[in-house]
């Protein structure tokens, strides 16, 4: 007899539901699964933080990387895109580092 597939949830899973489902699927204790996620978070933080490589890959699922956005100078008398004929001033913006998540092939194939 074939095993029955579980129905896909209609709403987003909570943290405890995710930990419970992973614990059930892997046979590990819920506490062990939580510690794996805690460790994974630490690894991602080290990889993306200062002195890290700037990228972290969850094999087969996704790639997390940092993208450096340069500073922008202030501009005066720029045409207002929302009110044609008027001009506006654009404030300066400092340089920032953004986090970008890119899905990999296996994740794209799931959808």
C-alpha atoms as a PDB file:
ATOM      1  CA  UNK A   1       0.000   0.000   0.000  1.00  0.00           C
ATOM      2  CA  UNK A   2       1.333   3.452  -0.889  1.00  0.00           C
ATOM      3  CA  UNK A   3       1.880   5.996   1.855  1.00  0.00           C
ATOM      4  CA  UNK A   4      -0.595   8.863   1.907  1.00  0.00           C
ATOM      5  CA  UNK A   5       0.724  12.332   1.137  1.00  0.00           C
ATOM      6  CA  UNK A   6      -0.030  15.074   3.630  1.00  0.00           C
ATOM      7  CA  UNK A   7      -2.189  17.912   2.315  1.00  0.00           C
ATOM      8  CA  UNK A   8      -0.441  21.236   1.822  1.00  0.00           C
ATOM      9  CA  UNK A   9      -1.303  23.748   4.561  1.00  0.00           C
ATOM     10  CA  UNK A  10      -3.690  26.566   3.668  1.00  0.00           C
ATOM     11  CA  UNK A  11      -1.910  29.146   5.849  1.00  0.00           C
ATOM     12  CA  UNK A  12       1.719  29.854   6.687  1.00  0.00           C
ATOM     13  CA  UNK A  13       3.245  27.504   9.263  1.00  0.00           C
ATOM     14  CA  UNK A  14       4.276  28.859  12.647  1.00  0.00           C
ATOM     15  CA  UNK A  15       7.729  28.286  14.089  1.00  0.00           C
ATOM     16  CA  UNK A  16       6.524  25.516  16.427  1.00  0.00           C
ATOM     17  CA  UNK A  17       4.590  23.820  13.595  1.00  0.00           C
ATOM     18  CA  UNK A  18       7.727  23.818  11.433  1.00  0.00           C
ATOM     19  CA  UNK A  19       9.854  22.419  14.282  1.00  0.00           C
ATOM     20  CA  UNK A  20       7.219  19.766  15.027  1.00  0.00           C
ATOM     21  CA  UNK A  21       6.906  18.676  11.396  1.00  0.00           C
ATOM     22  CA  UNK A  22      10.683  18.450  10.945  1.00  0.00           C
ATOM     23  CA  UNK A  23      11.043  16.521  14.202  1.00  0.00           C
ATOM     24  CA  UNK A  24       8.369  14.063  13.069  1.00  0.00           C
ATOM     25  CA  UNK A  25       9.881  13.622   9.590  1.00  0.00           C
ATOM     26  CA  UNK A  26      13.461  13.148  10.794  1.00  0.00           C
ATOM     27  CA  UNK A  27      12.850  11.282  14.037  1.00  0.00           C
ATOM     28  CA  UNK A  28      14.824  13.878  16.001  1.00  0.00           C
ATOM     29  CA  UNK A  29      13.596  15.608  19.136  1.00  0.00           C
ATOM     30  CA  UNK A  30      11.988  19.014  18.699  1.00  0.00           C
ATOM     31  CA  UNK A  31      14.770  20.468  20.858  1.00  0.00           C
ATOM     32  CA  UNK A  32      17.428  19.051  18.497  1.00  0.00           C
ATOM     33  CA  UNK A  33      15.720  20.521  15.441  1.00  0.00           C
ATOM     34  CA  UNK A  34      15.547  23.906  17.204  1.00  0.00           C
ATOM     35  CA  UNK A  35      19.284  23.743  17.956  1.00  0.00           C
ATOM     36  CA  UNK A  36      20.004  22.962  14.283  1.00  0.00           C
ATOM     37  CA  UNK A  37      18.094  26.104  13.258  1.00  0.00           C
ATOM     38  CA  UNK A  38      19.937  28.120  15.912  1.00  0.00           C
ATOM     39  CA  UNK A  39      23.270  26.882  14.551  1.00  0.00           C
ATOM     40  CA  UNK A  40      22.194  27.590  10.963  1.00  0.00           C
ATOM     41  CA  UNK A  41      21.306  31.154  11.948  1.00  0.00           C
ATOM     42  CA  UNK A  42      24.743  31.589  13.498  1.00  0.00           C
ATOM     43  CA  UNK A  43      26.471  30.294  10.367  1.00  0.00           C
ATOM     44  CA  UNK A  44      24.473  32.662   8.161  1.00  0.00           C
ATOM     45  CA  UNK A  45      25.312  35.581  10.457  1.00  0.00           C
ATOM     46  CA  UNK A  46      29.041  34.817  10.330  1.00  0.00           C
ATOM     47  CA  UNK A  47      29.025  34.423   6.548  1.00  0.00           C
ATOM     48  CA  UNK A  48      27.092  37.625   5.857  1.00  0.00           C
ATOM     49  CA  UNK A  49      28.597  39.767   8.630  1.00  0.00           C
ATOM     50  CA  UNK A  50      31.760  41.826   8.614  1.00  0.00           C
ATOM     51  CA  UNK A  51      34.751  39.729   7.631  1.00  0.00           C
ATOM     52  CA  UNK A  52      32.534  37.031   6.122  1.00  0.00           C
ATOM     53  CA  UNK A  53      32.316  35.972   2.497  1.00  0.00           C
ATOM     54  CA  UNK A  54      29.054  37.857   1.901  1.00  0.00           C
ATOM     55  CA  UNK A  55      27.228  34.771   0.624  1.00  0.00           C
ATOM     56  CA  UNK A  56      25.639  31.699   2.216  1.00  0.00           C
ATOM     57  CA  UNK A  57      24.017  28.806   0.333  1.00  0.00           C
ATOM     58  CA  UNK A  58      21.427  26.430   1.754  1.00  0.00           C
ATOM     59  CA  UNK A  59      22.268  23.518  -0.587  1.00  0.00           C
ATOM     60  CA  UNK A  60      19.664  23.024  -3.298  1.00  0.00           C
ATOM     61  CA  UNK A  61      17.228  25.600  -1.909  1.00  0.00           C
ATOM     62  CA  UNK A  62      18.477  29.163  -1.764  1.00  0.00           C
ATOM     63  CA  UNK A  63      21.428  31.507  -1.711  1.00  0.00           C
ATOM     64  CA  UNK A  64      21.604  34.459   0.682  1.00  0.00           C
ATOM     65  CA  UNK A  65      23.996  37.255  -0.237  1.00  0.00           C
ATOM     66  CA  UNK A  66      24.794  40.833   0.649  1.00  0.00           C
ATOM     67  CA  UNK A  67      24.590  43.612  -1.916  1.00  0.00           C
ATOM     68  CA  UNK A  68      26.363  46.916  -1.274  1.00  0.00           C
ATOM     69  CA  UNK A  69      24.338  49.943  -2.378  1.00  0.00           C
ATOM     70  CA  UNK A  70      26.465  53.066  -2.931  1.00  0.00           C
ATOM     71  CA  UNK A  71      25.682  56.460  -1.378  1.00  0.00           C
ATOM     72  CA  UNK A  72      23.561  58.916  -3.376  1.00  0.00           C
ATOM     73  CA  UNK A  73      24.157  62.640  -3.451  1.00  0.00           C
ATOM     74  CA  UNK A  74      21.346  65.118  -2.849  1.00  0.00           C
ATOM     75  CA  UNK A  75      19.727  66.552  -5.996  1.00  0.00           C
ATOM     76  CA  UNK A  76      17.872  69.816  -6.467  1.00  0.00           C
ATOM     77  CA  UNK A  77      15.190  70.707  -9.012  1.00  0.00           C
ATOM     78  CA  UNK A  78      14.490  67.155 -10.166  1.00  0.00           C
ATOM     79  CA  UNK A  79      11.248  66.724 -12.167  1.00  0.00           C
ATOM     80  CA  UNK A  80       8.480  65.346  -9.950  1.00  0.00           C
ATOM     81  CA  UNK A  81       7.201  62.094 -11.514  1.00  0.00           C
ATOM     82  CA  UNK A  82       3.830  62.409  -9.747  1.00  0.00           C
ATOM     83  CA  UNK A  83       3.114  66.052 -10.663  1.00  0.00           C
ATOM     84  CA  UNK A  84       4.336  66.876 -14.179  1.00  0.00           C
ATOM     85  CA  UNK A  85       5.706  70.380 -14.533  1.00  0.00           C
ATOM     86  CA  UNK A  86       6.789  70.643 -10.884  1.00  0.00           C
ATOM     87  CA  UNK A  87      10.284  70.102  -9.526  1.00  0.00           C
ATOM     88  CA  UNK A  88      11.392  68.664  -6.201  1.00  0.00           C
ATOM     89  CA  UNK A  89      14.505  68.159  -4.103  1.00  0.00           C
ATOM     90  CA  UNK A  90      15.793  64.625  -3.440  1.00  0.00           C
ATOM     91  CA  UNK A  91      17.589  64.015  -0.138  1.00  0.00           C
ATOM     92  CA  UNK A  92      21.000  62.331   0.071  1.00  0.00           C
ATOM     93  CA  UNK A  93      21.149  58.660   1.072  1.00  0.00           C
ATOM     94  CA  UNK A  94      24.079  56.972   2.818  1.00  0.00           C
ATOM     95  CA  UNK A  95      25.688  53.774   1.536  1.00  0.00           C
ATOM     96  CA  UNK A  96      23.899  50.634   2.807  1.00  0.00           C
ATOM     97  CA  UNK A  97      24.258  46.876   2.683  1.00  0.00           C
ATOM     98  CA  UNK A  98      21.127  44.944   1.699  1.00  0.00           C
ATOM     99  CA  UNK A  99      20.432  41.221   2.028  1.00  0.00           C
ATOM    100  CA  UNK A 100      19.214  39.430  -1.091  1.00  0.00           C
ATOM    101  CA  UNK A 101      17.784  35.891  -1.177  1.00  0.00           C
ATOM    102  CA  UNK A 102      17.936  34.019  -4.488  1.00  0.00           C
ATOM    103  CA  UNK A 103      16.007  30.751  -5.008  1.00  0.00           C
ATOM    104  CA  UNK A 104      17.970  27.862  -6.532  1.00  0.00           C
ATOM    105  CA  UNK A 105      16.773  25.376  -9.120  1.00  0.00           C
ATOM    106  CA  UNK A 106      15.290  22.773  -6.761  1.00  0.00           C
ATOM    107  CA  UNK A 107      13.211  25.418  -4.958  1.00  0.00           C
ATOM    108  CA  UNK A 108      11.980  26.829  -8.276  1.00  0.00           C
ATOM    109  CA  UNK A 109      10.994  23.331  -9.417  1.00  0.00           C
ATOM    110  CA  UNK A 110       8.879  22.862  -6.260  1.00  0.00           C
ATOM    111  CA  UNK A 111       6.627  25.734  -7.269  1.00  0.00           C
END
